[in-house]
Amino acid sequence: MTKGKTWRLGKDFWTVLDTNVPLKIAGKEVAAGTYYLGLFRSADGSTWSLAFVEPSKARAAHLDAFEINKAPIQFKVSMTEEKPSSSLAEKLTIKFSYLKEKPKDVTLRVMWGKLQLKAPIQVML
């Protein structure tokens, strides 16, 4: 059901990444700015990516988050699937974590049910 589609991250409204510093997410340079986010699954179902949508294009097309699969994807960033833990994430959970000693090296995790994805983020200052 999810293969080859982009899915919204959350309920009702767009999930937004608003950054005032450039980032590198899973090796992809992401300029400072505001982005709508979704989760894209490859057509064969083997890989997941974080999908970035330009908000002005989604608004110009009068799309709400429910219609993310119709939104033009600006770019995608690969996410790595992790082994599921013994507990299930009943609600979609998005976490950013880092070590106190390395605050510019962050890990993004997306968890829902048995699905656990991650991507490294570096703050580029």
PDB file of N, CA and C in Angstrom:
ATOM      1  N   MET A   1       0.805  -1.199   0.000  1.00  0.00           N
ATOM      2  CA  MET A   1       0.000   0.000   0.000  1.00  0.00           C
ATOM      3  C   MET A   1       0.855   1.273   0.000  1.00  0.00           C
ATOM      4  N   THR A   2       2.047   1.229   0.585  1.00  0.00           N
ATOM      5  CA  THR A   2       2.902   2.414   0.656  1.00  0.00           C
ATOM      6  C   THR A   2       3.908   2.499  -0.480  1.00  0.00           C
ATOM      7  N   LYS A   3       4.071   1.436  -1.241  1.00  0.00           N
ATOM      8  CA  LYS A   3       5.106   1.384  -2.275  1.00  0.00           C
ATOM      9  C   LYS A   3       4.885   2.445  -3.356  1.00  0.00           C
ATOM     10  N   GLY A   4       5.975   3.175  -3.660  1.00  0.00           N
ATOM     11  CA  GLY A   4       5.939   4.176  -4.727  1.00  0.00           C
ATOM     12  C   GLY A   4       5.176   5.440  -4.369  1.00  0.00           C
ATOM     13  N   LYS A   5       4.894   5.658  -3.097  1.00  0.00           N
ATOM     14  CA  LYS A   5       4.095   6.813  -2.695  1.00  0.00           C
ATOM     15  C   LYS A   5       4.816   7.662  -1.659  1.00  0.00           C
ATOM     16  N   THR A   6       4.377   8.903  -1.564  1.00  0.00           N
ATOM     17  CA  THR A   6       4.857   9.816  -0.541  1.00  0.00           C
ATOM     18  C   THR A   6       3.763   9.943   0.504  1.00  0.00           C
ATOM     19  N   TRP A   7       4.158   9.810   1.758  1.00  0.00           N
ATOM     20  CA  TRP A   7       3.207   9.851   2.867  1.00  0.00           C
ATOM     21  C   TRP A   7       3.513  11.031   3.773  1.00  0.00           C
ATOM     22  N   ARG A   8       2.472  11.624   4.306  1.00  0.00           N
ATOM     23  CA  ARG A   8       2.692  12.748   5.213  1.00  0.00           C
ATOM     24  C   ARG A   8       3.232  12.244   6.545  1.00  0.00           C
ATOM     25  N   LEU A   9       3.928  13.107   7.210  1.00  0.00           N
ATOM     26  CA  LEU A   9       4.479  12.798   8.525  1.00  0.00           C
ATOM     27  C   LEU A   9       3.588  13.478   9.556  1.00  0.00           C
ATOM     28  N   GLY A  10       2.622  12.784  10.039  1.00  0.00           N
ATOM     29  CA  GLY A  10       1.757  13.363  11.053  1.00  0.00           C
ATOM     30  C   GLY A  10       0.301  13.345  10.642  1.00  0.00           C
ATOM     31  N   LYS A  11      -0.462  14.159  11.343  1.00  0.00           N
ATOM     32  CA  LYS A  11      -1.899  14.195  11.151  1.00  0.00           C
ATOM     33  C   LYS A  11      -2.338  15.633  10.902  1.00  0.00           C
ATOM     34  N   ASP A  12      -3.253  15.803  10.002  1.00  0.00           N
ATOM     35  CA  ASP A  12      -3.911  17.074   9.719  1.00  0.00           C
ATOM     36  C   ASP A  12      -3.047  18.069   8.943  1.00  0.00           C
ATOM     37  N   PHE A  13      -1.989  18.591   9.530  1.00  0.00           N
ATOM     38  CA  PHE A  13      -1.238  19.677   8.907  1.00  0.00           C
ATOM     39  C   PHE A  13       0.108  19.192   8.382  1.00  0.00           C
ATOM     40  N   TRP A  14       0.756  20.030   7.600  1.00  0.00           N
ATOM     41  CA  TRP A  14       2.081  19.722   7.082  1.00  0.00           C
ATOM     42  C   TRP A  14       3.075  19.618   8.231  1.00  0.00           C
ATOM     43  N   THR A  15       4.012  18.694   8.120  1.00  0.00           N
ATOM     44  CA  THR A  15       5.149  18.652   9.022  1.00  0.00           C
ATOM     45  C   THR A  15       6.205  19.540   8.390  1.00  0.00           C
ATOM     46  N   VAL A  16       6.730  20.479   9.171  1.00  0.00           N
ATOM     47  CA  VAL A  16       7.596  21.520   8.637  1.00  0.00           C
ATOM     48  C   VAL A  16       8.994  21.416   9.240  1.00  0.00           C
ATOM     49  N   LEU A  17      10.004  21.525   8.389  1.00  0.00           N
ATOM     50  CA  LEU A  17      11.376  21.707   8.829  1.00  0.00           C
ATOM     51  C   LEU A  17      11.723  23.154   8.506  1.00  0.00           C
ATOM     52  N   ASP A  18      12.022  23.931   9.528  1.00  0.00           N
ATOM     53  CA  ASP A  18      12.387  25.336   9.374  1.00  0.00           C
ATOM     54  C   ASP A  18      13.775  25.497   9.976  1.00  0.00           C
ATOM     55  N   THR A  19      14.763  25.714   9.138  1.00  0.00           N
ATOM     56  CA  THR A  19      16.141  25.830   9.611  1.00  0.00           C
ATOM     57  C   THR A  19      16.753  27.141   9.143  1.00  0.00           C
ATOM     58  N   ASN A  20      17.448  27.823  10.047  1.00  0.00           N
ATOM     59  CA  ASN A  20      18.123  29.063   9.660  1.00  0.00           C
ATOM     60  C   ASN A  20      19.619  28.837   9.427  1.00  0.00           C
ATOM     61  N   VAL A  21      20.041  27.582   9.464  1.00  0.00           N
ATOM     62  CA  VAL A  21      21.424  27.223   9.159  1.00  0.00           C
ATOM     63  C   VAL A  21      21.420  26.103   8.121  1.00  0.00           C
ATOM     64  N   PRO A  22      22.443  26.046   7.268  1.00  0.00           N
ATOM     65  CA  PRO A  22      22.505  24.939   6.308  1.00  0.00           C
ATOM     66  C   PRO A  22      22.786  23.624   7.029  1.00  0.00           C
ATOM     67  N   LEU A  23      22.220  22.564   6.482  1.00  0.00           N
ATOM     68  CA  LEU A  23      22.386  21.230   7.053  1.00  0.00           C
ATOM     69  C   LEU A  23      22.905  20.280   5.986  1.00  0.00           C
ATOM     70  N   LYS A  24      23.449  19.179   6.436  1.00  0.00           N
ATOM     71  CA  LYS A  24      23.760  18.066   5.542  1.00  0.00           C
ATOM     72  C   LYS A  24      23.035  16.872   6.138  1.00  0.00           C
ATOM     73  N   ILE A  25      22.044  16.354   5.406  1.00  0.00           N
ATOM     74  CA  ILE A  25      21.245  15.236   5.890  1.00  0.00           C
ATOM     75  C   ILE A  25      21.548  14.029   5.020  1.00  0.00           C
ATOM     76  N   ALA A  26      22.089  12.998   5.639  1.00  0.00           N
ATOM     77  CA  ALA A  26      22.482  11.773   4.925  1.00  0.00           C
ATOM     78  C   ALA A  26      23.330  12.106   3.701  1.00  0.00           C
ATOM     79  N   GLY A  27      24.236  13.081   3.865  1.00  0.00           N
ATOM     80  CA  GLY A  27      25.143  13.456   2.794  1.00  0.00           C
ATOM     81  C   GLY A  27      24.603  14.477   1.807  1.00  0.00           C
ATOM     82  N   LYS A  28      23.320  14.807   1.875  1.00  0.00           N
ATOM     83  CA  LYS A  28      22.699  15.765   0.952  1.00  0.00           C
ATOM     84  C   LYS A  28      22.680  17.147   1.596  1.00  0.00           C
ATOM     85  N   GLU A  29      23.206  18.144   0.889  1.00  0.00           N
ATOM     86  CA  GLU A  29      23.202  19.506   1.409  1.00  0.00           C
ATOM     87  C   GLU A  29      21.800  20.094   1.328  1.00  0.00           C
ATOM     88  N   VAL A  30      21.356  20.643   2.450  1.00  0.00           N
ATOM     89  CA  VAL A  30      20.030  21.244   2.557  1.00  0.00           C
ATOM     90  C   VAL A  30      20.231  22.705   2.956  1.00  0.00           C
ATOM     91  N   ALA A  31      19.843  23.610   2.073  1.00  0.00           N
ATOM     92  CA  ALA A  31      20.015  25.040   2.327  1.00  0.00           C
ATOM     93  C   ALA A  31      19.095  25.491   3.459  1.00  0.00           C
ATOM     94  N   ALA A  32      19.503  26.555   4.137  1.00  0.00           N
ATOM     95  CA  ALA A  32      18.638  27.149   5.153  1.00  0.00           C
ATOM     96  C   ALA A  32      17.317  27.508   4.492  1.00  0.00           C
ATOM     97  N   GLY A  33      16.216  27.293   5.190  1.00  0.00           N
ATOM     98  CA  GLY A  33      14.908  27.592   4.633  1.00  0.00           C
ATOM     99  C   GLY A  33      13.821  26.787   5.309  1.00  0.00           C
ATOM    100  N   THR A  34      12.645  26.850   4.712  1.00  0.00           N
ATOM    101  CA  THR A  34      11.477  26.147   5.237  1.00  0.00           C
ATOM    102  C   THR A  34      11.036  25.107   4.214  1.00  0.00           C
ATOM    103  N   TYR A  35      10.753  23.906   4.710  1.00  0.00           N
ATOM    104  CA  TYR A  35      10.363  22.792   3.848  1.00  0.00           C
ATOM    105  C   TYR A  35       9.204  22.040   4.476  1.00  0.00           C
ATOM    106  N   TYR A  36       8.289  21.541   3.641  1.00  0.00           N
ATOM    107  CA  TYR A  36       7.309  20.562   4.091  1.00  0.00           C
ATOM    108  C   TYR A  36       7.968  19.200   3.920  1.00  0.00           C
ATOM    109  N   LEU A  37       7.709  18.297   4.862  1.00  0.00           N
ATOM    110  CA  LEU A  37       8.340  16.984   4.827  1.00  0.00           C
ATOM    111  C   LEU A  37       7.325  15.861   4.660  1.00  0.00           C
ATOM    112  N   GLY A  38       7.748  14.836   3.971  1.00  0.00           N
ATOM    113  CA  GLY A  38       6.969  13.613   3.840  1.00  0.00           C
ATOM    114  C   GLY A  38       7.926  12.439   3.839  1.00  0.00           C
ATOM    115  N   LEU A  39       7.378  11.258   3.730  1.00  0.00           N
ATOM    116  CA  LEU A  39       8.182  10.041   3.701  1.00  0.00           C
ATOM    117  C   LEU A  39       7.853   9.304   2.407  1.00  0.00           C
ATOM    118  N   PHE A  40       8.879   9.076   1.587  1.00  0.00           N
ATOM    119  CA  PHE A  40       8.700   8.403   0.295  1.00  0.00           C
ATOM    120  C   PHE A  40       9.236   6.988   0.375  1.00  0.00           C
ATOM    121  N   ARG A  41       8.454   6.044  -0.145  1.00  0.00           N
ATOM    122  CA  ARG A  41       8.900   4.644  -0.233  1.00  0.00           C
ATOM    123  C   ARG A  41       9.084   4.288  -1.698  1.00  0.00           C
ATOM    124  N   SER A  42      10.193   3.636  -2.010  1.00  0.00           N
ATOM    125  CA  SER A  42      10.479   3.267  -3.398  1.00  0.00           C
ATOM    126  C   SER A  42       9.403   2.328  -3.938  1.00  0.00           C
ATOM    127  N   ALA A  43       9.315   2.262  -5.261  1.00  0.00           N
ATOM    128  CA  ALA A  43       8.292   1.434  -5.905  1.00  0.00           C
ATOM    129  C   ALA A  43       8.414  -0.042  -5.537  1.00  0.00           C
ATOM    130  N   ASP A  44       9.642  -0.518  -5.321  1.00  0.00           N
ATOM    131  CA  ASP A  44       9.815  -1.924  -4.943  1.00  0.00           C
ATOM    132  C   ASP A  44       9.723  -2.140  -3.430  1.00  0.00           C
ATOM    133  N   GLY A  45       9.580  -1.035  -2.680  1.00  0.00           N
ATOM    134  CA  GLY A  45       9.395  -1.134  -1.235  1.00  0.00           C
ATOM    135  C   GLY A  45      10.661  -1.336  -0.433  1.00  0.00           C
ATOM    136  N   SER A  46      11.818  -1.323  -1.099  1.00  0.00           N
ATOM    137  CA  SER A  46      13.066  -1.652  -0.391  1.00  0.00           C
ATOM    138  C   SER A  46      13.712  -0.469   0.321  1.00  0.00           C
ATOM    139  N   THR A  47      13.397   0.755  -0.081  1.00  0.00           N
ATOM    140  CA  THR A  47      14.050   1.918   0.533  1.00  0.00           C
ATOM    141  C   THR A  47      13.036   3.004   0.882  1.00  0.00           C
ATOM    142  N   TRP A  48      13.430   3.820   1.856  1.00  0.00           N
ATOM    143  CA  TRP A  48      12.631   4.971   2.299  1.00  0.00           C
ATOM    144  C   TRP A  48      13.486   6.220   2.187  1.00  0.00           C
ATOM    145  N   SER A  49      12.826   7.347   1.903  1.00  0.00           N
ATOM    146  CA  SER A  49      13.517   8.632   1.822  1.00  0.00           C
ATOM    147  C   SER A  49      12.664   9.702   2.488  1.00  0.00           C
ATOM    148  N   LEU A  50      13.352  10.703   3.022  1.00  0.00           N
ATOM    149  CA  LEU A  50      12.672  11.884   3.523  1.00  0.00           C
ATOM    150  C   LEU A  50      12.439  12.775   2.312  1.00  0.00           C
ATOM    151  N   ALA A  51      11.188  13.121   2.051  1.00  0.00           N
ATOM    152  CA  ALA A  51      10.832  13.921   0.880  1.00  0.00           C
ATOM    153  C   ALA A  51      10.649  15.374   1.289  1.00  0.00           C
ATOM    154  N   PHE A  52      11.271  16.288   0.548  1.00  0.00           N
ATOM    155  CA  PHE A  52      11.192  17.722   0.812  1.00  0.00           C
ATOM    156  C   PHE A  52      10.318  18.378  -0.248  1.00  0.00           C
ATOM    157  N   VAL A  53       9.319  19.116   0.204  1.00  0.00           N
ATOM    158  CA  VAL A  53       8.385  19.811  -0.678  1.00  0.00           C
ATOM    159  C   VAL A  53       8.548  21.307  -0.442  1.00  0.00           C
ATOM    160  N   GLU A  54       8.621  22.079  -1.515  1.00  0.00           N
ATOM    161  CA  GLU A  54       8.700  23.536  -1.373  1.00  0.00           C
ATOM    162  C   GLU A  54       7.309  24.059  -1.010  1.00  0.00           C
ATOM    163  N   PRO A  55       7.167  24.698   0.155  1.00  0.00           N
ATOM    164  CA  PRO A  55       5.841  25.145   0.613  1.00  0.00           C
ATOM    165  C   PRO A  55       5.099  26.037  -0.382  1.00  0.00           C
ATOM    166  N   SER A  56       5.808  26.947  -1.059  1.00  0.00           N
ATOM    167  CA  SER A  56       5.113  27.855  -1.978  1.00  0.00           C
ATOM    168  C   SER A  56       4.465  27.098  -3.138  1.00  0.00           C
ATOM    169  N   LYS A  57       5.085  26.023  -3.593  1.00  0.00           N
ATOM    170  CA  LYS A  57       4.509  25.228  -4.685  1.00  0.00           C
ATOM    171  C   LYS A  57       3.293  24.435  -4.207  1.00  0.00           C
ATOM    172  N   ALA A  58       3.343  23.912  -2.996  1.00  0.00           N
ATOM    173  CA  ALA A  58       2.189  23.191  -2.451  1.00  0.00           C
ATOM    174  C   ALA A  58       1.011  24.152  -2.248  1.00  0.00           C
ATOM    175  N   ARG A  59       1.312  25.352  -1.748  1.00  0.00           N
ATOM    176  CA  ARG A  59       0.235  26.342  -1.548  1.00  0.00           C
ATOM    177  C   ARG A  59      -0.335  26.805  -2.886  1.00  0.00           C
ATOM    178  N   ALA A  60       0.529  27.028  -3.883  1.00  0.00           N
ATOM    179  CA  ALA A  60       0.068  27.470  -5.197  1.00  0.00           C
ATOM    180  C   ALA A  60      -0.862  26.434  -5.831  1.00  0.00           C
ATOM    181  N   ALA A  61      -0.620  25.159  -5.545  1.00  0.00           N
ATOM    182  CA  ALA A  61      -1.463  24.079  -6.075  1.00  0.00           C
ATOM    183  C   ALA A  61      -2.661  23.800  -5.164  1.00  0.00           C
ATOM    184  N   HIS A  62      -2.796  24.581  -4.078  1.00  0.00           N
ATOM    185  CA  HIS A  62      -3.895  24.426  -3.112  1.00  0.00           C
ATOM    186  C   HIS A  62      -3.949  23.013  -2.525  1.00  0.00           C
ATOM    187  N   LEU A  63      -2.763  22.484  -2.185  1.00  0.00           N
ATOM    188  CA  LEU A  63      -2.679  21.144  -1.614  1.00  0.00           C
ATOM    189  C   LEU A  63      -2.551  21.230  -0.100  1.00  0.00           C
ATOM    190  N   ASP A  64      -3.290  20.399   0.583  1.00  0.00           N
ATOM    191  CA  ASP A  64      -3.040  20.281   2.020  1.00  0.00           C
ATOM    192  C   ASP A  64      -2.228  19.011   2.238  1.00  0.00           C
ATOM    193  N   ALA A  65      -1.826  18.775   3.471  1.00  0.00           N
ATOM    194  CA  ALA A  65      -0.931  17.653   3.760  1.00  0.00           C
ATOM    195  C   ALA A  65      -1.523  16.298   3.373  1.00  0.00           C
ATOM    196  N   PHE A  66      -2.835  16.180   3.416  1.00  0.00           N
ATOM    197  CA  PHE A  66      -3.494  14.936   3.037  1.00  0.00           C
ATOM    198  C   PHE A  66      -3.191  14.570   1.583  1.00  0.00           C
ATOM    199  N   GLU A  67      -2.896  15.577   0.762  1.00  0.00           N
ATOM    200  CA  GLU A  67      -2.649  15.373  -0.661  1.00  0.00           C
ATOM    201  C   GLU A  67      -1.157  15.394  -1.007  1.00  0.00           C
ATOM    202  N   ILE A  68      -0.315  15.065  -0.058  1.00  0.00           N
ATOM    203  CA  ILE A  68       1.132  15.144  -0.276  1.00  0.00           C
ATOM    204  C   ILE A  68       1.580  14.315  -1.474  1.00  0.00           C
ATOM    205  N   ASN A  69       0.890  13.241  -1.783  1.00  0.00           N
ATOM    206  CA  ASN A  69       1.296  12.411  -2.917  1.00  0.00           C
ATOM    207  C   ASN A  69       1.160  13.151  -4.252  1.00  0.00           C
ATOM    208  N   LYS A  70       0.405  14.260  -4.273  1.00  0.00           N
ATOM    209  CA  LYS A  70       0.266  15.081  -5.477  1.00  0.00           C
ATOM    210  C   LYS A  70       1.286  16.215  -5.508  1.00  0.00           C
ATOM    211  N   ALA A  71       1.964  16.471  -4.403  1.00  0.00           N
ATOM    212  CA  ALA A  71       2.889  17.600  -4.299  1.00  0.00           C
ATOM    213  C   ALA A  71       4.183  17.304  -5.044  1.00  0.00           C
ATOM    214  N   PRO A  72       4.737  18.321  -5.719  1.00  0.00           N
ATOM    215  CA  PRO A  72       6.028  18.108  -6.391  1.00  0.00           C
ATOM    216  C   PRO A  72       7.148  18.007  -5.355  1.00  0.00           C
ATOM    217  N   ILE A  73       7.908  16.929  -5.430  1.00  0.00           N
ATOM    218  CA  ILE A  73       9.020  16.719  -4.508  1.00  0.00           C
ATOM    219  C   ILE A  73      10.214  17.529  -4.997  1.00  0.00           C
ATOM    220  N   GLN A  74      10.735  18.394  -4.143  1.00  0.00           N
ATOM    221  CA  GLN A  74      11.902  19.204  -4.490  1.00  0.00           C
ATOM    222  C   GLN A  74      13.152  18.331  -4.512  1.00  0.00           C
ATOM    223  N   PHE A  75      13.326  17.504  -3.477  1.00  0.00           N
ATOM    224  CA  PHE A  75      14.416  16.533  -3.429  1.00  0.00           C
ATOM    225  C   PHE A  75      14.125  15.522  -2.329  1.00  0.00           C
ATOM    226  N   LYS A  76      14.895  14.435  -2.353  1.00  0.00           N
ATOM    227  CA  LYS A  76      14.740  13.363  -1.364  1.00  0.00           C
ATOM    228  C   LYS A  76      16.082  13.087  -0.696  1.00  0.00           C
ATOM    229  N   VAL A  77      16.007  12.606   0.539  1.00  0.00           N
ATOM    230  CA  VAL A  77      17.187  12.241   1.312  1.00  0.00           C
ATOM    231  C   VAL A  77      16.983  10.814   1.809  1.00  0.00           C
ATOM    232  N   SER A  78      17.961   9.960   1.572  1.00  0.00           N
ATOM    233  CA  SER A  78      17.852   8.551   1.968  1.00  0.00           C
ATOM    234  C   SER A  78      17.781   8.396   3.481  1.00  0.00           C
ATOM    235  N   MET A  79      16.944   7.456   3.905  1.00  0.00           N
ATOM    236  CA  MET A  79      16.865   7.089   5.311  1.00  0.00           C
ATOM    237  C   MET A  79      17.214   5.619   5.422  1.00  0.00           C
ATOM    238  N   THR A  80      17.850   5.253   6.526  1.00  0.00           N
ATOM    239  CA  THR A  80      18.255   3.879   6.765  1.00  0.00           C
ATOM    240  C   THR A  80      17.241   3.218   7.683  1.00  0.00           C
ATOM    241  N   GLU A  81      16.813   2.024   7.300  1.00  0.00           N
ATOM    242  CA  GLU A  81      15.871   1.279   8.143  1.00  0.00           C
ATOM    243  C   GLU A  81      16.641   0.587   9.255  1.00  0.00           C
ATOM    244  N   GLU A  82      16.161   0.761  10.478  1.00  0.00           N
ATOM    245  CA  GLU A  82      16.772   0.114  11.634  1.00  0.00           C
ATOM    246  C   GLU A  82      15.959  -1.105  12.012  1.00  0.00           C
ATOM    247  N   LYS A  83      16.605  -2.018  12.726  1.00  0.00           N
ATOM    248  CA  LYS A  83      15.889  -3.171  13.252  1.00  0.00           C
ATOM    249  C   LYS A  83      14.841  -2.686  14.236  1.00  0.00           C
ATOM    250  N   PRO A  84      13.622  -3.177  14.123  1.00  0.00           N
ATOM    251  CA  PRO A  84      12.593  -2.734  15.071  1.00  0.00           C
ATOM    252  C   PRO A  84      12.906  -3.187  16.495  1.00  0.00           C
ATOM    253  N   SER A  85      12.553  -2.328  17.436  1.00  0.00           N
ATOM    254  CA  SER A  85      12.722  -2.713  18.835  1.00  0.00           C
ATOM    255  C   SER A  85      11.572  -3.637  19.221  1.00  0.00           C
ATOM    256  N   SER A  86      11.613  -4.125  20.432  1.00  0.00           N
ATOM    257  CA  SER A  86      10.559  -5.039  20.879  1.00  0.00           C
ATOM    258  C   SER A  86       9.226  -4.325  21.069  1.00  0.00           C
ATOM    259  N   SER A  87       9.271  -3.012  21.281  1.00  0.00           N
ATOM    260  CA  SER A  87       8.020  -2.269  21.459  1.00  0.00           C
ATOM    261  C   SER A  87       7.628  -1.573  20.157  1.00  0.00           C
ATOM    262  N   LEU A  88       6.340  -1.395  19.973  1.00  0.00           N
ATOM    263  CA  LEU A  88       5.822  -0.717  18.795  1.00  0.00           C
ATOM    264  C   LEU A  88       5.578   0.752  19.122  1.00  0.00           C
ATOM    265  N   ALA A  89       5.813   1.610  18.147  1.00  0.00           N
ATOM    266  CA  ALA A  89       5.476   3.025  18.302  1.00  0.00           C
ATOM    267  C   ALA A  89       4.012   3.180  17.883  1.00  0.00           C
ATOM    268  N   GLU A  90       3.134   3.376  18.861  1.00  0.00           N
ATOM    269  CA  GLU A  90       1.706   3.481  18.564  1.00  0.00           C
ATOM    270  C   GLU A  90       1.380   4.727  17.753  1.00  0.00           C
ATOM    271  N   LYS A  91       2.113   5.801  18.002  1.00  0.00           N
ATOM    272  CA  LYS A  91       1.930   7.044  17.255  1.00  0.00           C
ATOM    273  C   LYS A  91       3.215   7.327  16.489  1.00  0.00           C
ATOM    274  N   LEU A  92       3.063   8.008  15.383  1.00  0.00           N
ATOM    275  CA  LEU A  92       4.235   8.436  14.635  1.00  0.00           C
ATOM    276  C   LEU A  92       5.092   9.306  15.551  1.00  0.00           C
ATOM    277  N   THR A  93       6.376   8.964  15.637  1.00  0.00           N
ATOM    278  CA  THR A  93       7.292   9.692  16.503  1.00  0.00           C
ATOM    279  C   THR A  93       8.492  10.149  15.681  1.00  0.00           C
ATOM    280  N   ILE A  94       8.848  11.415  15.825  1.00  0.00           N
ATOM    281  CA  ILE A  94      10.023  11.976  15.162  1.00  0.00           C
ATOM    282  C   ILE A  94      10.931  12.511  16.260  1.00  0.00           C
ATOM    283  N   LYS A  95      12.180  12.048  16.276  1.00  0.00           N
ATOM    284  CA  LYS A  95      13.124  12.459  17.319  1.00  0.00           C
ATOM    285  C   LYS A  95      14.426  12.957  16.692  1.00  0.00           C
ATOM    286  N   PHE A  96      14.982  13.976  17.317  1.00  0.00           N
ATOM    287  CA  PHE A  96      16.323  14.441  17.003  1.00  0.00           C
ATOM    288  C   PHE A  96      17.165  14.197  18.246  1.00  0.00           C
ATOM    289  N   SER A  97      18.310  13.555  18.090  1.00  0.00           N
ATOM    290  CA  SER A  97      19.161  13.301  19.249  1.00  0.00           C
ATOM    291  C   SER A  97      20.620  13.566  18.874  1.00  0.00           C
ATOM    292  N   TYR A  98      21.414  13.901  19.897  1.00  0.00           N
ATOM    293  CA  TYR A  98      22.833  14.153  19.696  1.00  0.00           C
ATOM    294  C   TYR A  98      23.570  13.951  21.012  1.00  0.00           C
ATOM    295  N   LEU A  99      24.865  13.757  20.909  1.00  0.00           N
ATOM    296  CA  LEU A  99      25.707  13.662  22.092  1.00  0.00           C
ATOM    297  C   LEU A  99      26.067  15.071  22.547  1.00  0.00           C
ATOM    298  N   LYS A 100      26.119  15.274  23.838  1.00  0.00           N
ATOM    299  CA  LYS A 100      26.432  16.586  24.399  1.00  0.00           C
ATOM    300  C   LYS A 100      27.763  17.121  23.862  1.00  0.00           C
ATOM    301  N   GLU A 101      28.715  16.218  23.647  1.00  0.00           N
ATOM    302  CA  GLU A 101      30.043  16.609  23.162  1.00  0.00           C
ATOM    303  C   GLU A 101      30.046  16.985  21.674  1.00  0.00           C
ATOM    304  N   LYS A 102      29.024  16.559  20.935  1.00  0.00           N
ATOM    305  CA  LYS A 102      28.975  16.803  19.487  1.00  0.00           C
ATOM    306  C   LYS A 102      27.601  17.344  19.084  1.00  0.00           C
ATOM    307  N   PRO A 103      27.274  18.554  19.478  1.00  0.00           N
ATOM    308  CA  PRO A 103      25.924  19.076  19.201  1.00  0.00           C
ATOM    309  C   PRO A 103      25.632  19.345  17.724  1.00  0.00           C
ATOM    310  N   LYS A 104      26.661  19.354  16.876  1.00  0.00           N
ATOM    311  CA  LYS A 104      26.440  19.577  15.444  1.00  0.00           C
ATOM    312  C   LYS A 104      26.201  18.274  14.683  1.00  0.00           C
ATOM    313  N   ASP A 105      26.345  17.136  15.355  1.00  0.00           N
ATOM    314  CA  ASP A 105      26.102  15.827  14.746  1.00  0.00           C
ATOM    315  C   ASP A 105      24.834  15.249  15.363  1.00  0.00           C
ATOM    316  N   VAL A 106      23.784  15.258  14.587  1.00  0.00           N
ATOM    317  CA  VAL A 106      22.448  14.913  15.073  1.00  0.00           C
ATOM    318  C   VAL A 106      21.956  13.668  14.337  1.00  0.00           C
ATOM    319  N   THR A 107      21.133  12.878  14.998  1.00  0.00           N
ATOM    320  CA  THR A 107      20.472  11.746  14.347  1.00  0.00           C
ATOM    321  C   THR A 107      18.968  12.008  14.340  1.00  0.00           C
ATOM    322  N   LEU A 108      18.379  11.931  13.164  1.00  0.00           N
ATOM    323  CA  LEU A 108      16.926  12.043  12.999  1.00  0.00           C
ATOM    324  C   LEU A 108      16.363  10.632  12.970  1.00  0.00           C
ATOM    325  N   ARG A 109      15.351  10.373  13.782  1.00  0.00           N
ATOM    326  CA  ARG A 109      14.676   9.072  13.769  1.00  0.00           C
ATOM    327  C   ARG A 109      13.185   9.284  13.542  1.00  0.00           C
ATOM    328  N   VAL A 110      12.619   8.433  12.693  1.00  0.00           N
ATOM    329  CA  VAL A 110      11.179   8.396  12.441  1.00  0.00           C
ATOM    330  C   VAL A 110      10.722   6.988  12.790  1.00  0.00           C
ATOM    331  N   MET A 111       9.745   6.900  13.687  1.00  0.00           N
ATOM    332  CA  MET A 111       9.262   5.593  14.143  1.00  0.00           C
ATOM    333  C   MET A 111       7.737   5.562  14.072  1.00  0.00           C
ATOM    334  N   TRP A 112       7.230   4.432  13.591  1.00  0.00           N
ATOM    335  CA  TRP A 112       5.784   4.236  13.542  1.00  0.00           C
ATOM    336  C   TRP A 112       5.530   2.735  13.443  1.00  0.00           C
ATOM    337  N   GLY A 113       4.802   2.184  14.403  1.00  0.00           N
ATOM    338  CA  GLY A 113       4.592   0.739  14.429  1.00  0.00           C
ATOM    339  C   GLY A 113       5.928   0.045  14.526  1.00  0.00           C
ATOM    340  N   LYS A 114       6.187  -0.884  13.619  1.00  0.00           N
ATOM    341  CA  LYS A 114       7.472  -1.596  13.587  1.00  0.00           C
ATOM    342  C   LYS A 114       8.537  -0.844  12.789  1.00  0.00           C
ATOM    343  N   LEU A 115       8.117   0.153  12.019  1.00  0.00           N
ATOM    344  CA  LEU A 115       9.042   0.889  11.156  1.00  0.00           C
ATOM    345  C   LEU A 115       9.899   1.850  11.970  1.00  0.00           C
ATOM    346  N   GLN A 116      11.220   1.746  11.782  1.00  0.00           N
ATOM    347  CA  GLN A 116      12.164   2.653  12.422  1.00  0.00           C
ATOM    348  C   GLN A 116      13.196   3.070  11.379  1.00  0.00           C
ATOM    349  N   LEU A 117      13.225   4.368  11.087  1.00  0.00           N
ATOM    350  CA  LEU A 117      14.146   4.909  10.094  1.00  0.00           C
ATOM    351  C   LEU A 117      15.048   5.943  10.755  1.00  0.00           C
ATOM    352  N   LYS A 118      16.262   6.105  10.187  1.00  0.00           N
ATOM    353  CA  LYS A 118      17.142   7.132  10.720  1.00  0.00           C
ATOM    354  C   LYS A 118      17.951   7.779   9.598  1.00  0.00           C
ATOM    355  N   ALA A 119      18.427   8.994   9.880  1.00  0.00           N
ATOM    356  CA  ALA A 119      19.309   9.707   8.955  1.00  0.00           C
ATOM    357  C   ALA A 119      20.225  10.611   9.785  1.00  0.00           C
ATOM    358  N   PRO A 120      21.519  10.645   9.439  1.00  0.00           N
ATOM    359  CA  PRO A 120      22.422  11.546  10.145  1.00  0.00           C
ATOM    360  C   PRO A 120      22.264  12.982   9.630  1.00  0.00           C
ATOM    361  N   ILE A 121      22.364  13.925  10.537  1.00  0.00           N
ATOM    362  CA  ILE A 121      22.291  15.351  10.194  1.00  0.00           C
ATOM    363  C   ILE A 121      23.540  16.019  10.742  1.00  0.00           C
ATOM    364  N   GLN A 122      24.157  16.839   9.911  1.00  0.00           N
ATOM    365  CA  GLN A 122      25.279  17.661  10.349  1.00  0.00           C
ATOM    366  C   GLN A 122      24.898  19.122  10.158  1.00  0.00           C
ATOM    367  N   VAL A 123      25.129  19.919  11.193  1.00  0.00           N
ATOM    368  CA  VAL A 123      24.915  21.352  11.110  1.00  0.00           C
ATOM    369  C   VAL A 123      26.154  21.944  10.454  1.00  0.00           C
ATOM    370  N   MET A 124      25.964  22.650   9.358  1.00  0.00           N
ATOM    371  CA  MET A 124      27.081  23.164   8.559  1.00  0.00           C
ATOM    372  C   MET A 124      27.307  24.646   8.863  1.00  0.00           C
ATOM    373  N   LEU A 125      28.108  24.923   9.873  1.00  0.00           N
ATOM    374  CA  LEU A 125      28.445  26.311  10.229  1.00  0.00           C
ATOM    375  C   LEU A 125      29.899  26.586  10.008  1.00  0.00           C
TER     376      LEU A 125
END
